[in-house]
Amino acid sequence: MKTLNDYMKMSYRMEIVEDKDEGGYVVSYPDLPGCITCGKTIEDAVVNAVDAKKAWIEAALEEGIEIHEPDNLEDYLQMSSTFLHC
């Protein structure tokens, strides 16, 4: 069984979106459902995202919830490239 440290070392894809209504930035991890946070600056949002990722994984481990490993980056880039060429 993987530990918190094992999961924290994995490169989960992070999505950062500017919140034009409220200001700041919203960050989520698509492979970790519900793992979302925000910050006034991109830097703050990323720091908060790492904390949110850790808390999400800790809670999932405690509750016995399955934690998916990150999508393969090459598969994601290939998929993104396919959409760009449509």
PDB file of N, CA and C in Angstrom:
ATOM      1  N   MET A   1       0.837  -1.188   0.000  1.00  0.00           N
ATOM      2  CA  MET A   1       0.000   0.000   0.000  1.00  0.00           C
ATOM      3  C   MET A   1       0.879   1.248   0.000  1.00  0.00           C
ATOM      4  N   LYS A   2       0.516   2.203  -0.829  1.00  0.00           N
ATOM      5  CA  LYS A   2       1.289   3.438  -0.922  1.00  0.00           C
ATOM      6  C   LYS A   2       1.020   4.330   0.294  1.00  0.00           C
ATOM      7  N   THR A   3       2.024   5.112   0.638  1.00  0.00           N
ATOM      8  CA  THR A   3       1.925   6.032   1.771  1.00  0.00           C
ATOM      9  C   THR A   3       1.638   7.450   1.274  1.00  0.00           C
ATOM     10  N   LEU A   4       1.376   8.338   2.214  1.00  0.00           N
ATOM     11  CA  LEU A   4       1.179   9.749   1.891  1.00  0.00           C
ATOM     12  C   LEU A   4       2.371  10.280   1.101  1.00  0.00           C
ATOM     13  N   ASN A   5       3.579   9.966   1.556  1.00  0.00           N
ATOM     14  CA  ASN A   5       4.780  10.447   0.868  1.00  0.00           C
ATOM     15  C   ASN A   5       4.863   9.919  -0.559  1.00  0.00           C
ATOM     16  N   ASP A   6       4.451   8.655  -0.765  1.00  0.00           N
ATOM     17  CA  ASP A   6       4.446   8.091  -2.122  1.00  0.00           C
ATOM     18  C   ASP A   6       3.550   8.917  -3.038  1.00  0.00           C
ATOM     19  N   TYR A   7       2.336   9.210  -2.571  1.00  0.00           N
ATOM     20  CA  TYR A   7       1.396   9.978  -3.392  1.00  0.00           C
ATOM     21  C   TYR A   7       1.851  11.422  -3.577  1.00  0.00           C
ATOM     22  N   MET A   8       2.460  12.016  -2.556  1.00  0.00           N
ATOM     23  CA  MET A   8       2.907  13.408  -2.663  1.00  0.00           C
ATOM     24  C   MET A   8       4.040  13.556  -3.682  1.00  0.00           C
ATOM     25  N   LYS A   9       4.802  12.500  -3.901  1.00  0.00           N
ATOM     26  CA  LYS A   9       5.892  12.542  -4.880  1.00  0.00           C
ATOM     27  C   LYS A   9       5.387  12.432  -6.314  1.00  0.00           C
ATOM     28  N   MET A  10       4.142  11.989  -6.483  1.00  0.00           N
ATOM     29  CA  MET A  10       3.583  11.819  -7.823  1.00  0.00           C
ATOM     30  C   MET A  10       3.198  13.175  -8.407  1.00  0.00           C
ATOM     31  N   SER A  11       3.358  13.295  -9.700  1.00  0.00           N
ATOM     32  CA  SER A  11       3.071  14.557 -10.394  1.00  0.00           C
ATOM     33  C   SER A  11       1.628  14.587 -10.885  1.00  0.00           C
ATOM     34  N   TYR A  12       0.746  15.036 -10.010  1.00  0.00           N
ATOM     35  CA  TYR A  12      -0.656  15.192 -10.387  1.00  0.00           C
ATOM     36  C   TYR A  12      -0.811  16.486 -11.183  1.00  0.00           C
ATOM     37  N   ARG A  13      -1.598  16.419 -12.243  1.00  0.00           N
ATOM     38  CA  ARG A  13      -1.843  17.590 -13.082  1.00  0.00           C
ATOM     39  C   ARG A  13      -2.660  18.611 -12.297  1.00  0.00           C
ATOM     40  N   MET A  14      -2.200  19.836 -12.332  1.00  0.00           N
ATOM     41  CA  MET A  14      -2.844  20.936 -11.617  1.00  0.00           C
ATOM     42  C   MET A  14      -3.461  21.874 -12.655  1.00  0.00           C
ATOM     43  N   GLU A  15      -4.721  22.232 -12.457  1.00  0.00           N
ATOM     44  CA  GLU A  15      -5.364  23.199 -13.342  1.00  0.00           C
ATOM     45  C   GLU A  15      -5.532  24.513 -12.585  1.00  0.00           C
ATOM     46  N   ILE A  16      -5.064  25.596 -13.185  1.00  0.00           N
ATOM     47  CA  ILE A  16      -5.142  26.918 -12.568  1.00  0.00           C
ATOM     48  C   ILE A  16      -6.020  27.802 -13.452  1.00  0.00           C
ATOM     49  N   VAL A  17      -7.039  28.394 -12.838  1.00  0.00           N
ATOM     50  CA  VAL A  17      -7.973  29.243 -13.573  1.00  0.00           C
ATOM     51  C   VAL A  17      -8.096  30.578 -12.843  1.00  0.00           C
ATOM     52  N   GLU A  18      -8.018  31.657 -13.592  1.00  0.00           N
ATOM     53  CA  GLU A  18      -8.206  32.978 -12.995  1.00  0.00           C
ATOM     54  C   GLU A  18      -9.681  33.163 -12.653  1.00  0.00           C
ATOM     55  N   ASP A  19      -9.955  33.621 -11.438  1.00  0.00           N
ATOM     56  CA  ASP A  19     -11.327  33.901 -11.009  1.00  0.00           C
ATOM     57  C   ASP A  19     -11.606  35.375 -11.288  1.00  0.00           C
ATOM     58  N   LYS A  20     -12.210  35.636 -12.430  1.00  0.00           N
ATOM     59  CA  LYS A  20     -12.432  37.023 -12.850  1.00  0.00           C
ATOM     60  C   LYS A  20     -13.531  37.708 -12.048  1.00  0.00           C
ATOM     61  N   ASP A  21     -14.430  36.932 -11.438  1.00  0.00           N
ATOM     62  CA  ASP A  21     -15.509  37.522 -10.639  1.00  0.00           C
ATOM     63  C   ASP A  21     -15.030  37.925  -9.250  1.00  0.00           C
ATOM     64  N   GLU A  22     -14.343  37.012  -8.580  1.00  0.00           N
ATOM     65  CA  GLU A  22     -13.918  37.231  -7.191  1.00  0.00           C
ATOM     66  C   GLU A  22     -12.479  37.735  -7.086  1.00  0.00           C
ATOM     67  N   GLY A  23     -11.706  37.562  -8.145  1.00  0.00           N
ATOM     68  CA  GLY A  23     -10.286  37.889  -8.108  1.00  0.00           C
ATOM     69  C   GLY A  23      -9.485  36.692  -7.634  1.00  0.00           C
ATOM     70  N   GLY A  24      -8.228  36.670  -7.939  1.00  0.00           N
ATOM     71  CA  GLY A  24      -7.367  35.569  -7.541  1.00  0.00           C
ATOM     72  C   GLY A  24      -7.425  34.416  -8.527  1.00  0.00           C
ATOM     73  N   TYR A  25      -7.024  33.247  -8.030  1.00  0.00           N
ATOM     74  CA  TYR A  25      -6.909  32.065  -8.875  1.00  0.00           C
ATOM     75  C   TYR A  25      -7.467  30.848  -8.150  1.00  0.00           C
ATOM     76  N   VAL A  26      -8.081  29.963  -8.923  1.00  0.00           N
ATOM     77  CA  VAL A  26      -8.630  28.711  -8.403  1.00  0.00           C
ATOM     78  C   VAL A  26      -7.778  27.578  -8.960  1.00  0.00           C
ATOM     79  N   VAL A  27      -7.403  26.647  -8.094  1.00  0.00           N
ATOM     80  CA  VAL A  27      -6.578  25.515  -8.503  1.00  0.00           C
ATOM     81  C   VAL A  27      -7.291  24.223  -8.145  1.00  0.00           C
ATOM     82  N   SER A  28      -7.255  23.273  -9.083  1.00  0.00           N
ATOM     83  CA  SER A  28      -7.825  21.953  -8.819  1.00  0.00           C
ATOM     84  C   SER A  28      -6.908  20.886  -9.399  1.00  0.00           C
ATOM     85  N   TYR A  29      -7.108  19.666  -8.916  1.00  0.00           N
ATOM     86  CA  TYR A  29      -6.408  18.490  -9.427  1.00  0.00           C
ATOM     87  C   TYR A  29      -7.462  17.575 -10.037  1.00  0.00           C
ATOM     88  N   PRO A  30      -7.545  17.484 -11.371  1.00  0.00           N
ATOM     89  CA  PRO A  30      -8.573  16.659 -11.998  1.00  0.00           C
ATOM     90  C   PRO A  30      -8.565  15.195 -11.555  1.00  0.00           C
ATOM     91  N   ASP A  31      -7.404  14.665 -11.198  1.00  0.00           N
ATOM     92  CA  ASP A  31      -7.320  13.263 -10.779  1.00  0.00           C
ATOM     93  C   ASP A  31      -7.693  13.054  -9.313  1.00  0.00           C
ATOM     94  N   LEU A  32      -7.928  14.136  -8.584  1.00  0.00           N
ATOM     95  CA  LEU A  32      -8.312  14.057  -7.174  1.00  0.00           C
ATOM     96  C   LEU A  32      -9.648  14.793  -7.021  1.00  0.00           C
ATOM     97  N   PRO A  33     -10.755  14.112  -7.260  1.00  0.00           N
ATOM     98  CA  PRO A  33     -12.076  14.760  -7.274  1.00  0.00           C
ATOM     99  C   PRO A  33     -12.366  15.561  -6.002  1.00  0.00           C
ATOM    100  N   GLY A  34     -12.726  16.814  -6.205  1.00  0.00           N
ATOM    101  CA  GLY A  34     -13.065  17.674  -5.080  1.00  0.00           C
ATOM    102  C   GLY A  34     -11.880  18.373  -4.446  1.00  0.00           C
ATOM    103  N   CYS A  35     -10.679  18.089  -4.918  1.00  0.00           N
ATOM    104  CA  CYS A  35      -9.485  18.746  -4.375  1.00  0.00           C
ATOM    105  C   CYS A  35      -9.319  20.072  -5.105  1.00  0.00           C
ATOM    106  N   ILE A  36      -9.746  21.136  -4.434  1.00  0.00           N
ATOM    107  CA  ILE A  36      -9.768  22.460  -5.046  1.00  0.00           C
ATOM    108  C   ILE A  36      -9.438  23.502  -3.979  1.00  0.00           C
ATOM    109  N   THR A  37      -8.762  24.556  -4.392  1.00  0.00           N
ATOM    110  CA  THR A  37      -8.412  25.636  -3.477  1.00  0.00           C
ATOM    111  C   THR A  37      -8.224  26.912  -4.282  1.00  0.00           C
ATOM    112  N   CYS A  38      -7.816  27.972  -3.612  1.00  0.00           N
ATOM    113  CA  CYS A  38      -7.631  29.242  -4.319  1.00  0.00           C
ATOM    114  C   CYS A  38      -6.554  30.061  -3.627  1.00  0.00           C
ATOM    115  N   GLY A  39      -6.202  31.175  -4.251  1.00  0.00           N
ATOM    116  CA  GLY A  39      -5.235  32.098  -3.681  1.00  0.00           C
ATOM    117  C   GLY A  39      -5.312  33.429  -4.397  1.00  0.00           C
ATOM    118  N   LYS A  40      -4.826  34.473  -3.746  1.00  0.00           N
ATOM    119  CA  LYS A  40      -4.866  35.816  -4.341  1.00  0.00           C
ATOM    120  C   LYS A  40      -3.931  35.931  -5.541  1.00  0.00           C
ATOM    121  N   THR A  41      -2.791  35.245  -5.471  1.00  0.00           N
ATOM    122  CA  THR A  41      -1.834  35.234  -6.581  1.00  0.00           C
ATOM    123  C   THR A  41      -1.660  33.791  -7.040  1.00  0.00           C
ATOM    124  N   ILE A  42      -1.051  33.625  -8.207  1.00  0.00           N
ATOM    125  CA  ILE A  42      -0.779  32.265  -8.680  1.00  0.00           C
ATOM    126  C   ILE A  42       0.118  31.550  -7.678  1.00  0.00           C
ATOM    127  N   GLU A  43       1.107  32.244  -7.168  1.00  0.00           N
ATOM    128  CA  GLU A  43       2.041  31.635  -6.219  1.00  0.00           C
ATOM    129  C   GLU A  43       1.312  31.160  -4.965  1.00  0.00           C
ATOM    130  N   ASP A  44       0.439  32.014  -4.412  1.00  0.00           N
ATOM    131  CA  ASP A  44      -0.346  31.629  -3.231  1.00  0.00           C
ATOM    132  C   ASP A  44      -1.242  30.439  -3.545  1.00  0.00           C
ATOM    133  N   ALA A  45      -1.864  30.466  -4.714  1.00  0.00           N
ATOM    134  CA  ALA A  45      -2.776  29.391  -5.098  1.00  0.00           C
ATOM    135  C   ALA A  45      -2.040  28.063  -5.214  1.00  0.00           C
ATOM    136  N   VAL A  46      -0.833  28.083  -5.764  1.00  0.00           N
ATOM    137  CA  VAL A  46      -0.058  26.846  -5.909  1.00  0.00           C
ATOM    138  C   VAL A  46       0.371  26.316  -4.541  1.00  0.00           C
ATOM    139  N   VAL A  47       0.819  27.191  -3.659  1.00  0.00           N
ATOM    140  CA  VAL A  47       1.186  26.764  -2.298  1.00  0.00           C
ATOM    141  C   VAL A  47      -0.029  26.148  -1.606  1.00  0.00           C
ATOM    142  N   ASN A  48      -1.178  26.810  -1.726  1.00  0.00           N
ATOM    143  CA  ASN A  48      -2.409  26.287  -1.125  1.00  0.00           C
ATOM    144  C   ASN A  48      -2.806  24.959  -1.756  1.00  0.00           C
ATOM    145  N   ALA A  49      -2.544  24.813  -3.058  1.00  0.00           N
ATOM    146  CA  ALA A  49      -2.895  23.573  -3.751  1.00  0.00           C
ATOM    147  C   ALA A  49      -2.088  22.394  -3.226  1.00  0.00           C
ATOM    148  N   VAL A  50      -0.823  22.608  -2.951  1.00  0.00           N
ATOM    149  CA  VAL A  50       0.006  21.528  -2.401  1.00  0.00           C
ATOM    150  C   VAL A  50      -0.526  21.123  -1.027  1.00  0.00           C
ATOM    151  N   ASP A  51      -0.915  22.097  -0.213  1.00  0.00           N
ATOM    152  CA  ASP A  51      -1.508  21.798   1.096  1.00  0.00           C
ATOM    153  C   ASP A  51      -2.833  21.057   0.939  1.00  0.00           C
ATOM    154  N   ALA A  52      -3.648  21.487  -0.023  1.00  0.00           N
ATOM    155  CA  ALA A  52      -4.943  20.838  -0.261  1.00  0.00           C
ATOM    156  C   ALA A  52      -4.750  19.408  -0.743  1.00  0.00           C
ATOM    157  N   LYS A  53      -3.768  19.204  -1.616  1.00  0.00           N
ATOM    158  CA  LYS A  53      -3.461  17.856  -2.113  1.00  0.00           C
ATOM    159  C   LYS A  53      -3.082  16.945  -0.946  1.00  0.00           C
ATOM    160  N   LYS A  54      -2.236  17.436  -0.056  1.00  0.00           N
ATOM    161  CA  LYS A  54      -1.810  16.642   1.099  1.00  0.00           C
ATOM    162  C   LYS A  54      -3.004  16.303   1.980  1.00  0.00           C
ATOM    163  N   ALA A  55      -3.839  17.287   2.277  1.00  0.00           N
ATOM    164  CA  ALA A  55      -5.017  17.052   3.124  1.00  0.00           C
ATOM    165  C   ALA A  55      -5.985  16.081   2.458  1.00  0.00           C
ATOM    166  N   TRP A  56      -6.171  16.211   1.150  1.00  0.00           N
ATOM    167  CA  TRP A  56      -7.081  15.331   0.404  1.00  0.00           C
ATOM    168  C   TRP A  56      -6.584  13.890   0.478  1.00  0.00           C
ATOM    169  N   ILE A  57      -5.291  13.691   0.228  1.00  0.00           N
ATOM    170  CA  ILE A  57      -4.721  12.341   0.241  1.00  0.00           C
ATOM    171  C   ILE A  57      -4.763  11.756   1.648  1.00  0.00           C
ATOM    172  N   GLU A  58      -4.440  12.557   2.665  1.00  0.00           N
ATOM    173  CA  GLU A  58      -4.515  12.077   4.055  1.00  0.00           C
ATOM    174  C   GLU A  58      -5.927  11.599   4.384  1.00  0.00           C
ATOM    175  N   ALA A  59      -6.922  12.385   4.025  1.00  0.00           N
ATOM    176  CA  ALA A  59      -8.314  12.018   4.308  1.00  0.00           C
ATOM    177  C   ALA A  59      -8.705  10.754   3.553  1.00  0.00           C
ATOM    178  N   ALA A  60      -8.299  10.656   2.296  1.00  0.00           N
ATOM    179  CA  ALA A  60      -8.626   9.470   1.498  1.00  0.00           C
ATOM    180  C   ALA A  60      -7.985   8.222   2.099  1.00  0.00           C
ATOM    181  N   LEU A  61      -6.743   8.326   2.533  1.00  0.00           N
ATOM    182  CA  LEU A  61      -6.068   7.179   3.155  1.00  0.00           C
ATOM    183  C   LEU A  61      -6.770   6.768   4.449  1.00  0.00           C
ATOM    184  N   GLU A  62      -7.149   7.748   5.268  1.00  0.00           N
ATOM    185  CA  GLU A  62      -7.829   7.452   6.534  1.00  0.00           C
ATOM    186  C   GLU A  62      -9.188   6.799   6.313  1.00  0.00           C
ATOM    187  N   GLU A  63      -9.895   7.231   5.267  1.00  0.00           N
ATOM    188  CA  GLU A  63     -11.245   6.725   4.991  1.00  0.00           C
ATOM    189  C   GLU A  63     -11.247   5.485   4.107  1.00  0.00           C
ATOM    190  N   GLY A  64     -10.076   5.088   3.626  1.00  0.00           N
ATOM    191  CA  GLY A  64      -9.998   3.921   2.752  1.00  0.00           C
ATOM    192  C   GLY A  64     -10.534   4.181   1.350  1.00  0.00           C
ATOM    193  N   ILE A  65     -10.525   5.442   0.935  1.00  0.00           N
ATOM    194  CA  ILE A  65     -10.995   5.816  -0.401  1.00  0.00           C
ATOM    195  C   ILE A  65      -9.874   5.565  -1.405  1.00  0.00           C
ATOM    196  N   GLU A  66     -10.257   4.994  -2.554  1.00  0.00           N
ATOM    197  CA  GLU A  66      -9.272   4.711  -3.593  1.00  0.00           C
ATOM    198  C   GLU A  66      -8.675   6.018  -4.119  1.00  0.00           C
ATOM    199  N   ILE A  67      -7.364   6.036  -4.225  1.00  0.00           N
ATOM    200  CA  ILE A  67      -6.660   7.205  -4.748  1.00  0.00           C
ATOM    201  C   ILE A  67      -6.095   6.821  -6.109  1.00  0.00           C
ATOM    202  N   HIS A  68      -6.563   7.506  -7.127  1.00  0.00           N
ATOM    203  CA  HIS A  68      -6.076   7.221  -8.473  1.00  0.00           C
ATOM    204  C   HIS A  68      -4.709   7.852  -8.669  1.00  0.00           C
ATOM    205  N   GLU A  69      -3.858   7.128  -9.367  1.00  0.00           N
ATOM    206  CA  GLU A  69      -2.558   7.696  -9.696  1.00  0.00           C
ATOM    207  C   GLU A  69      -2.749   8.696 -10.832  1.00  0.00           C
ATOM    208  N   PRO A  70      -1.834   9.641 -10.966  1.00  0.00           N
ATOM    209  CA  PRO A  70      -2.006  10.673 -11.991  1.00  0.00           C
ATOM    210  C   PRO A  70      -2.033  10.089 -13.394  1.00  0.00           C
ATOM    211  N   ASP A  71      -2.761  10.800 -14.272  1.00  0.00           N
ATOM    212  CA  ASP A  71      -2.748  10.431 -15.683  1.00  0.00           C
ATOM    213  C   ASP A  71      -1.322  10.539 -16.195  1.00  0.00           C
ATOM    214  N   ASN A  72      -1.022   9.722 -17.181  1.00  0.00           N
ATOM    215  CA  ASN A  72       0.277   9.777 -17.831  1.00  0.00           C
ATOM    216  C   ASN A  72       0.370  11.098 -18.588  1.00  0.00           C
ATOM    217  N   LEU A  73       1.375  11.892 -18.326  1.00  0.00           N
ATOM    218  CA  LEU A  73       1.525  13.207 -18.942  1.00  0.00           C
ATOM    219  C   LEU A  73       1.598  13.104 -20.461  1.00  0.00           C
ATOM    220  N   GLU A  74       2.285  12.090 -20.974  1.00  0.00           N
ATOM    221  CA  GLU A  74       2.392  11.936 -22.426  1.00  0.00           C
ATOM    222  C   GLU A  74       1.025  11.681 -23.050  1.00  0.00           C
ATOM    223  N   ASP A  75       0.182  10.871 -22.387  1.00  0.00           N
ATOM    224  CA  ASP A  75      -1.169  10.627 -22.893  1.00  0.00           C
ATOM    225  C   ASP A  75      -1.966  11.922 -22.911  1.00  0.00           C
ATOM    226  N   TYR A  76      -1.827  12.721 -21.865  1.00  0.00           N
ATOM    227  CA  TYR A  76      -2.545  13.991 -21.767  1.00  0.00           C
ATOM    228  C   TYR A  76      -2.101  14.945 -22.874  1.00  0.00           C
ATOM    229  N   LEU A  77      -0.793  15.043 -23.090  1.00  0.00           N
ATOM    230  CA  LEU A  77      -0.279  15.938 -24.127  1.00  0.00           C
ATOM    231  C   LEU A  77      -0.732  15.490 -25.509  1.00  0.00           C
ATOM    232  N   GLN A  78      -0.748  14.176 -25.732  1.00  0.00           N
ATOM    233  CA  GLN A  78      -1.203  13.653 -27.016  1.00  0.00           C
ATOM    234  C   GLN A  78      -2.687  13.975 -27.214  1.00  0.00           C
ATOM    235  N   MET A  79      -3.489  13.801 -26.165  1.00  0.00           N
ATOM    236  CA  MET A  79      -4.910  14.089 -26.243  1.00  0.00           C
ATOM    237  C   MET A  79      -5.121  15.586 -26.505  1.00  0.00           C
ATOM    238  N   SER A  80      -4.382  16.442 -25.818  1.00  0.00           N
ATOM    239  CA  SER A  80      -4.500  17.884 -26.012  1.00  0.00           C
ATOM    240  C   SER A  80      -4.135  18.262 -27.437  1.00  0.00           C
ATOM    241  N   SER A  81      -3.095  17.649 -27.958  1.00  0.00           N
ATOM    242  CA  SER A  81      -2.664  17.917 -29.322  1.00  0.00           C
ATOM    243  C   SER A  81      -3.740  17.514 -30.321  1.00  0.00           C
ATOM    244  N   THR A  82      -4.420  16.405 -30.060  1.00  0.00           N
ATOM    245  CA  THR A  82      -5.491  15.940 -30.936  1.00  0.00           C
ATOM    246  C   THR A  82      -6.612  16.967 -30.987  1.00  0.00           C
ATOM    247  N   PHE A  83      -6.999  17.514 -29.835  1.00  0.00           N
ATOM    248  CA  PHE A  83      -8.068  18.510 -29.794  1.00  0.00           C
ATOM    249  C   PHE A  83      -7.662  19.801 -30.499  1.00  0.00           C
ATOM    250  N   LEU A  84      -6.406  20.170 -30.411  1.00  0.00           N
ATOM    251  CA  LEU A  84      -5.946  21.401 -31.044  1.00  0.00           C
ATOM    252  C   LEU A  84      -5.988  21.310 -32.565  1.00  0.00           C
ATOM    253  N   HIS A  85      -5.906  20.077 -33.094  1.00  0.00           N
ATOM    254  CA  HIS A  85      -5.875  19.897 -34.541  1.00  0.00           C
ATOM    255  C   HIS A  85      -7.251  19.633 -35.134  1.00  0.00           C
ATOM    256  N   CYS A  86      -8.302  19.719 -34.341  1.00  0.00           N
ATOM    257  CA  CYS A  86      -9.661  19.455 -34.846  1.00  0.00           C
ATOM    258  C   CYS A  86     -10.162  20.603 -35.682  1.00  0.00           C
TER     259      CYS A  86
END
